[in-house]
Amino acid sequence: MKNRRVILDTNLWISFLISKRQKELDVLLESGAVTLIFSQELLEEFLEVSERAKFKRFFKKSDIKTLLTQIETFGELIRVESKINECRDPKDNFLLSLSVDGKADFLVTGDSDLLVLGKIEKTKIVSWAEFISKE
């Protein structure tokens, strides 16, 4: 299986924590099929969202630490320099910039503001279900 450069949006990380479906991701990471692409901004967003009161009851701090270990082990930190402004939700533009600068194959998200774009340069923007069906 070819190694894919993949960005997982914060909504996917939170979904993995809530649904306890991390095993799906574990299999891809441990097989070498995926390299996680992330930036400082994406990491900070994930940490901020995971601390929100409405999510805290669904998972433990140890679950967050496990995900952070996965990011550290299977990820590549990208310094984002591009300024792309193509998303109808300006808060999501940093993910488009990360996609380009990180030379990502896929941006995987559940966000309709990103999904509607379909692609940014060479990066395909897909849902988790679409991504899994391609792998």
N, C-alpha and C. Protein backbone atom coordinates (compact mmCIF):
# COMPACT_ATOMS: atom_id res chain seq x y z
N MET A 1 0.85 -1.17 0.00
CA MET A 1 0.00 0.00 0.00
C MET A 1 0.90 1.24 0.00
N LYS A 2 0.59 2.18 -0.86
CA LYS A 2 1.38 3.40 -1.00
C LYS A 2 1.22 4.29 0.22
N ASN A 3 2.33 4.91 0.64
CA ASN A 3 2.26 5.85 1.75
C ASN A 3 1.57 7.13 1.29
N ARG A 4 0.54 7.52 2.00
CA ARG A 4 -0.22 8.73 1.69
C ARG A 4 0.07 9.80 2.72
N ARG A 5 0.23 11.01 2.26
CA ARG A 5 0.41 12.16 3.13
C ARG A 5 -0.99 12.71 3.43
N VAL A 6 -1.38 12.64 4.70
CA VAL A 6 -2.77 12.89 5.07
C VAL A 6 -2.88 13.89 6.21
N ILE A 7 -3.78 14.84 6.03
CA ILE A 7 -4.15 15.78 7.10
C ILE A 7 -5.51 15.35 7.62
N LEU A 8 -5.60 15.18 8.92
CA LEU A 8 -6.89 14.90 9.57
C LEU A 8 -7.34 16.17 10.27
N ASP A 9 -8.49 16.67 9.89
CA ASP A 9 -9.06 17.87 10.50
C ASP A 9 -9.39 17.57 11.97
N THR A 10 -9.44 18.60 12.77
CA THR A 10 -9.75 18.45 14.19
C THR A 10 -11.04 17.69 14.43
N ASN A 11 -12.04 17.90 13.58
CA ASN A 11 -13.32 17.20 13.80
C ASN A 11 -13.15 15.69 13.70
N LEU A 12 -12.17 15.23 12.93
CA LEU A 12 -11.90 13.78 12.84
C LEU A 12 -11.23 13.28 14.12
N TRP A 13 -10.26 14.04 14.62
CA TRP A 13 -9.58 13.64 15.86
C TRP A 13 -10.59 13.54 17.00
N ILE A 14 -11.47 14.53 17.10
CA ILE A 14 -12.49 14.52 18.16
C ILE A 14 -13.44 13.34 17.95
N SER A 15 -13.82 13.09 16.73
CA SER A 15 -14.69 11.96 16.42
C SER A 15 -14.05 10.63 16.83
N PHE A 16 -12.75 10.48 16.56
CA PHE A 16 -12.05 9.25 16.98
C PHE A 16 -12.10 9.11 18.50
N LEU A 17 -11.91 10.21 19.21
CA LEU A 17 -11.93 10.15 20.67
C LEU A 17 -13.32 9.79 21.20
N ILE A 18 -14.34 10.41 20.66
CA ILE A 18 -15.71 10.19 21.14
C ILE A 18 -16.20 8.79 20.80
N SER A 19 -15.95 8.36 19.59
CA SER A 19 -16.51 7.08 19.12
C SER A 19 -15.66 5.87 19.51
N LYS A 20 -14.48 6.13 20.05
CA LYS A 20 -13.56 5.04 20.42
C LYS A 20 -13.18 4.21 19.18
N ARG A 21 -13.08 4.88 18.02
CA ARG A 21 -12.77 4.18 16.77
C ARG A 21 -11.32 4.42 16.34
N GLN A 22 -10.45 4.64 17.29
CA GLN A 22 -9.06 4.90 16.96
C GLN A 22 -8.39 3.72 16.25
N LYS A 23 -8.92 2.53 16.43
CA LYS A 23 -8.32 1.34 15.82
C LYS A 23 -8.22 1.46 14.30
N GLU A 24 -9.24 2.08 13.68
CA GLU A 24 -9.21 2.27 12.22
C GLU A 24 -7.98 3.07 11.82
N LEU A 25 -7.70 4.11 12.58
CA LEU A 25 -6.54 4.94 12.31
C LEU A 25 -5.25 4.19 12.65
N ASP A 26 -5.26 3.48 13.78
CA ASP A 26 -4.08 2.71 14.19
C ASP A 26 -3.61 1.77 13.09
N VAL A 27 -4.53 1.07 12.47
CA VAL A 27 -4.19 0.11 11.42
C VAL A 27 -3.48 0.81 10.27
N LEU A 28 -4.01 1.94 9.83
CA LEU A 28 -3.39 2.68 8.73
C LEU A 28 -2.00 3.19 9.10
N LEU A 29 -1.88 3.73 10.30
CA LEU A 29 -0.60 4.28 10.73
C LEU A 29 0.46 3.20 10.89
N GLU A 30 0.10 2.13 11.56
CA GLU A 30 1.06 1.07 11.84
C GLU A 30 1.47 0.30 10.59
N SER A 31 0.62 0.31 9.56
CA SER A 31 0.96 -0.37 8.31
C SER A 31 1.90 0.46 7.45
N GLY A 32 2.10 1.73 7.83
CA GLY A 32 2.94 2.61 7.02
C GLY A 32 2.21 3.20 5.83
N ALA A 33 0.89 3.02 5.79
CA ALA A 33 0.10 3.51 4.66
C ALA A 33 -0.11 5.02 4.72
N VAL A 34 0.09 5.61 5.91
CA VAL A 34 -0.23 7.02 6.10
C VAL A 34 0.86 7.73 6.88
N THR A 35 1.20 8.92 6.42
CA THR A 35 2.01 9.86 7.20
C THR A 35 1.09 11.01 7.54
N LEU A 36 0.93 11.29 8.82
CA LEU A 36 0.09 12.41 9.25
C LEU A 36 0.83 13.72 9.02
N ILE A 37 0.18 14.65 8.38
CA ILE A 37 0.74 15.97 8.15
C ILE A 37 0.01 16.92 9.09
N PHE A 38 0.77 17.70 9.85
CA PHE A 38 0.13 18.62 10.77
C PHE A 38 0.99 19.87 10.93
N SER A 39 0.39 20.88 11.50
CA SER A 39 1.08 22.15 11.76
C SER A 39 0.85 22.51 13.22
N GLN A 40 1.58 23.50 13.67
CA GLN A 40 1.39 23.98 15.04
C GLN A 40 -0.04 24.47 15.23
N GLU A 41 -0.58 25.14 14.23
CA GLU A 41 -1.95 25.67 14.33
C GLU A 41 -2.98 24.54 14.45
N LEU A 42 -2.81 23.49 13.69
CA LEU A 42 -3.74 22.35 13.76
C LEU A 42 -3.65 21.68 15.13
N LEU A 43 -2.44 21.52 15.62
CA LEU A 43 -2.23 20.91 16.93
C LEU A 43 -2.88 21.76 18.03
N GLU A 44 -2.68 23.07 17.96
CA GLU A 44 -3.27 23.97 18.95
C GLU A 44 -4.79 23.95 18.88
N GLU A 45 -5.34 23.89 17.67
CA GLU A 45 -6.80 23.83 17.52
C GLU A 45 -7.34 22.54 18.15
N PHE A 46 -6.68 21.42 17.88
CA PHE A 46 -7.12 20.15 18.45
C PHE A 46 -7.10 20.21 19.98
N LEU A 47 -6.02 20.72 20.55
CA LEU A 47 -5.92 20.79 22.02
C LEU A 47 -7.00 21.71 22.60
N GLU A 48 -7.25 22.83 21.94
CA GLU A 48 -8.26 23.78 22.41
C GLU A 48 -9.65 23.14 22.35
N VAL A 49 -9.98 22.51 21.25
CA VAL A 49 -11.30 21.89 21.09
C VAL A 49 -11.47 20.73 22.08
N SER A 50 -10.43 19.95 22.27
CA SER A 50 -10.53 18.79 23.17
C SER A 50 -10.76 19.20 24.63
N GLU A 51 -10.45 20.45 24.95
CA GLU A 51 -10.65 20.95 26.32
C GLU A 51 -12.05 21.53 26.54
N ARG A 52 -12.84 21.63 25.49
CA ARG A 52 -14.18 22.19 25.64
C ARG A 52 -15.04 21.31 26.54
N ALA A 53 -15.80 21.95 27.39
CA ALA A 53 -16.62 21.23 28.37
C ALA A 53 -17.55 20.21 27.72
N LYS A 54 -18.12 20.56 26.56
CA LYS A 54 -19.09 19.65 25.93
C LYS A 54 -18.46 18.34 25.46
N PHE A 55 -17.14 18.30 25.31
CA PHE A 55 -16.47 17.07 24.87
C PHE A 55 -15.81 16.31 26.01
N LYS A 56 -15.46 16.99 27.09
CA LYS A 56 -14.67 16.39 28.16
C LYS A 56 -15.28 15.11 28.74
N ARG A 57 -16.58 15.02 28.75
CA ARG A 57 -17.22 13.84 29.37
C ARG A 57 -17.09 12.59 28.50
N PHE A 58 -16.69 12.76 27.25
CA PHE A 58 -16.64 11.63 26.32
C PHE A 58 -15.30 10.89 26.31
N PHE A 59 -14.25 11.53 26.81
CA PHE A 59 -12.94 10.89 26.77
C PHE A 59 -12.05 11.41 27.90
N LYS A 60 -10.99 10.66 28.15
CA LYS A 60 -10.07 10.98 29.23
C LYS A 60 -8.83 11.68 28.67
N LYS A 61 -8.10 12.33 29.56
CA LYS A 61 -6.84 12.97 29.16
C LYS A 61 -5.88 11.96 28.57
N SER A 62 -5.92 10.73 29.07
CA SER A 62 -5.02 9.69 28.54
C SER A 62 -5.33 9.38 27.08
N ASP A 63 -6.60 9.51 26.67
CA ASP A 63 -6.96 9.31 25.27
C ASP A 63 -6.32 10.39 24.39
N ILE A 64 -6.32 11.62 24.90
CA ILE A 64 -5.69 12.72 24.16
C ILE A 64 -4.20 12.47 24.05
N LYS A 65 -3.59 12.03 25.14
CA LYS A 65 -2.14 11.74 25.12
C LYS A 65 -1.82 10.66 24.10
N THR A 66 -2.68 9.66 23.99
CA THR A 66 -2.47 8.59 23.00
C THR A 66 -2.48 9.17 21.58
N LEU A 67 -3.44 10.04 21.30
CA LEU A 67 -3.50 10.66 19.97
C LEU A 67 -2.28 11.53 19.72
N LEU A 68 -1.85 12.27 20.72
CA LEU A 68 -0.66 13.12 20.56
C LEU A 68 0.58 12.27 20.29
N THR A 69 0.65 11.11 20.92
CA THR A 69 1.76 10.19 20.66
C THR A 69 1.72 9.70 19.22
N GLN A 70 0.52 9.40 18.72
CA GLN A 70 0.39 8.98 17.32
C GLN A 70 0.87 10.08 16.38
N ILE A 71 0.47 11.30 16.66
CA ILE A 71 0.88 12.43 15.83
C ILE A 71 2.40 12.55 15.84
N GLU A 72 2.98 12.46 17.02
CA GLU A 72 4.43 12.58 17.15
C GLU A 72 5.16 11.44 16.44
N THR A 73 4.63 10.23 16.57
CA THR A 73 5.28 9.04 16.00
C THR A 73 5.10 8.94 14.50
N PHE A 74 3.91 9.21 14.02
CA PHE A 74 3.59 8.98 12.61
C PHE A 74 3.39 10.27 11.82
N GLY A 75 3.73 11.39 12.43
CA GLY A 75 3.45 12.67 11.78
C GLY A 75 4.68 13.43 11.34
N GLU A 76 4.40 14.42 10.54
CA GLU A 76 5.43 15.33 10.06
C GLU A 76 4.93 16.75 10.30
N LEU A 77 5.67 17.49 11.09
CA LEU A 77 5.32 18.87 11.40
C LEU A 77 5.75 19.76 10.24
N ILE A 78 4.81 20.52 9.71
CA ILE A 78 5.06 21.39 8.57
C ILE A 78 5.00 22.85 9.02
N ARG A 79 5.97 23.60 8.58
CA ARG A 79 5.94 25.05 8.81
C ARG A 79 5.15 25.67 7.65
N VAL A 80 4.01 26.22 7.96
CA VAL A 80 3.12 26.75 6.92
C VAL A 80 3.51 28.18 6.58
N GLU A 81 3.70 28.41 5.29
CA GLU A 81 4.04 29.75 4.82
C GLU A 81 3.02 30.30 3.84
N SER A 82 2.26 29.42 3.18
CA SER A 82 1.25 29.86 2.21
C SER A 82 0.10 30.56 2.91
N LYS A 83 -0.56 31.43 2.19
CA LYS A 83 -1.76 32.12 2.68
C LYS A 83 -2.86 31.90 1.65
N ILE A 84 -3.59 30.82 1.80
CA ILE A 84 -4.66 30.49 0.87
C ILE A 84 -5.99 30.92 1.48
N ASN A 85 -6.81 31.58 0.68
CA ASN A 85 -8.10 32.09 1.16
C ASN A 85 -9.22 31.65 0.23
N GLU A 86 -9.43 30.35 0.13
CA GLU A 86 -10.45 29.83 -0.79
C GLU A 86 -11.65 29.22 -0.09
N CYS A 87 -11.61 29.10 1.22
CA CYS A 87 -12.72 28.47 1.94
C CYS A 87 -13.75 29.53 2.34
N ARG A 88 -15.02 29.15 2.26
CA ARG A 88 -16.08 30.10 2.64
C ARG A 88 -16.07 30.37 4.15
N ASP A 89 -15.43 29.50 4.92
CA ASP A 89 -15.22 29.74 6.35
C ASP A 89 -13.75 30.09 6.54
N PRO A 90 -13.44 31.37 6.73
CA PRO A 90 -12.04 31.80 6.82
C PRO A 90 -11.21 31.07 7.88
N LYS A 91 -11.88 30.55 8.93
CA LYS A 91 -11.15 29.83 9.98
C LYS A 91 -10.53 28.54 9.47
N ASP A 92 -11.01 28.04 8.34
CA ASP A 92 -10.50 26.78 7.80
C ASP A 92 -9.39 26.96 6.76
N ASN A 93 -9.09 28.20 6.40
CA ASN A 93 -8.08 28.43 5.38
C ASN A 93 -6.70 27.90 5.77
N PHE A 94 -6.41 27.85 7.07
CA PHE A 94 -5.10 27.34 7.49
C PHE A 94 -4.91 25.89 7.06
N LEU A 95 -6.00 25.13 6.98
CA LEU A 95 -5.90 23.73 6.54
C LEU A 95 -5.58 23.64 5.05
N LEU A 96 -6.09 24.58 4.28
CA LEU A 96 -5.77 24.61 2.85
C LEU A 96 -4.30 24.97 2.64
N SER A 97 -3.82 25.93 3.43
CA SER A 97 -2.40 26.30 3.35
C SER A 97 -1.52 25.13 3.77
N LEU A 98 -1.91 24.43 4.82
CA LEU A 98 -1.16 23.25 5.27
C LEU A 98 -1.17 22.18 4.19
N SER A 99 -2.29 22.00 3.53
CA SER A 99 -2.39 21.00 2.45
C SER A 99 -1.37 21.27 1.36
N VAL A 100 -1.26 22.52 0.96
CA VAL A 100 -0.34 22.89 -0.12
C VAL A 100 1.11 22.79 0.36
N ASP A 101 1.42 23.41 1.49
CA ASP A 101 2.81 23.41 1.98
C ASP A 101 3.27 22.03 2.41
N GLY A 102 2.34 21.21 2.90
CA GLY A 102 2.68 19.86 3.34
C GLY A 102 2.63 18.83 2.22
N LYS A 103 2.29 19.29 1.02
CA LYS A 103 2.18 18.39 -0.14
C LYS A 103 1.32 17.16 0.20
N ALA A 104 0.18 17.45 0.84
CA ALA A 104 -0.72 16.37 1.28
C ALA A 104 -1.44 15.75 0.09
N ASP A 105 -1.62 14.44 0.16
CA ASP A 105 -2.44 13.74 -0.82
C ASP A 105 -3.92 13.92 -0.51
N PHE A 106 -4.23 13.94 0.79
CA PHE A 106 -5.62 14.05 1.23
C PHE A 106 -5.74 14.98 2.43
N LEU A 107 -6.81 15.77 2.44
CA LEU A 107 -7.29 16.48 3.61
C LEU A 107 -8.60 15.79 3.97
N VAL A 108 -8.62 15.11 5.12
CA VAL A 108 -9.80 14.33 5.52
C VAL A 108 -10.55 15.14 6.57
N THR A 109 -11.83 15.37 6.31
CA THR A 109 -12.62 16.25 7.16
C THR A 109 -14.09 15.88 7.13
N GLY A 110 -14.81 16.38 8.10
CA GLY A 110 -16.26 16.25 8.10
C GLY A 110 -16.91 17.61 7.90
N ASP A 111 -16.10 18.61 7.61
CA ASP A 111 -16.55 20.00 7.48
C ASP A 111 -17.03 20.29 6.06
N SER A 112 -18.30 20.60 5.93
CA SER A 112 -18.88 20.84 4.60
C SER A 112 -18.26 22.06 3.91
N ASP A 113 -17.76 23.02 4.68
CA ASP A 113 -17.11 24.19 4.08
C ASP A 113 -15.84 23.80 3.34
N LEU A 114 -15.19 22.74 3.78
CA LEU A 114 -14.00 22.23 3.09
C LEU A 114 -14.37 21.20 2.04
N LEU A 115 -15.28 20.30 2.38
CA LEU A 115 -15.66 19.22 1.46
C LEU A 115 -16.20 19.76 0.13
N VAL A 116 -16.90 20.88 0.18
CA VAL A 116 -17.48 21.45 -1.03
C VAL A 116 -16.39 21.84 -2.05
N LEU A 117 -15.19 22.10 -1.58
CA LEU A 117 -14.09 22.47 -2.48
C LEU A 117 -13.61 21.28 -3.30
N GLY A 118 -13.63 20.08 -2.70
CA GLY A 118 -13.23 18.87 -3.43
C GLY A 118 -11.74 18.68 -3.60
N LYS A 119 -11.02 19.79 -3.79
CA LYS A 119 -9.58 19.70 -4.05
C LYS A 119 -8.95 21.07 -3.85
N ILE A 120 -7.70 21.07 -3.40
CA ILE A 120 -6.89 22.29 -3.37
C ILE A 120 -5.53 21.90 -3.93
N GLU A 121 -5.20 22.45 -5.06
CA GLU A 121 -4.02 22.04 -5.82
C GLU A 121 -4.04 20.53 -6.00
N LYS A 122 -3.04 19.80 -5.47
CA LYS A 122 -3.00 18.35 -5.67
C LYS A 122 -3.64 17.56 -4.52
N THR A 123 -4.15 18.26 -3.53
CA THR A 123 -4.74 17.62 -2.36
C THR A 123 -6.24 17.39 -2.56
N LYS A 124 -6.66 16.14 -2.43
CA LYS A 124 -8.09 15.81 -2.49
C LYS A 124 -8.69 16.03 -1.11
N ILE A 125 -9.85 16.67 -1.07
CA ILE A 125 -10.54 16.94 0.19
C ILE A 125 -11.72 15.97 0.27
N VAL A 126 -11.65 15.05 1.24
CA VAL A 126 -12.62 13.96 1.31
C VAL A 126 -13.08 13.71 2.75
N SER A 127 -14.18 13.00 2.87
CA SER A 127 -14.67 12.56 4.18
C SER A 127 -13.86 11.32 4.61
N TRP A 128 -14.01 10.93 5.88
CA TRP A 128 -13.33 9.73 6.37
C TRP A 128 -13.79 8.50 5.59
N ALA A 129 -15.11 8.40 5.35
CA ALA A 129 -15.65 7.24 4.61
C ALA A 129 -15.06 7.17 3.20
N GLU A 130 -14.94 8.30 2.54
CA GLU A 130 -14.34 8.32 1.20
C GLU A 130 -12.87 7.92 1.26
N PHE A 131 -12.17 8.43 2.25
CA PHE A 131 -10.75 8.13 2.38
C PHE A 131 -10.53 6.64 2.61
N ILE A 132 -11.28 6.06 3.53
CA ILE A 132 -11.15 4.64 3.84
C ILE A 132 -11.46 3.79 2.61
N SER A 133 -12.44 4.20 1.84
CA SER A 133 -12.80 3.41 0.65
C SER A 133 -11.69 3.45 -0.41
N LYS A 134 -10.86 4.49 -0.38
CA LYS A 134 -9.74 4.60 -1.33
C LYS A 134 -8.55 3.77 -0.88
N GLU A 135 -8.47 3.52 0.42
CA GLU A 135 -7.34 2.77 0.97
C GLU A 135 -7.72 1.32 0.95
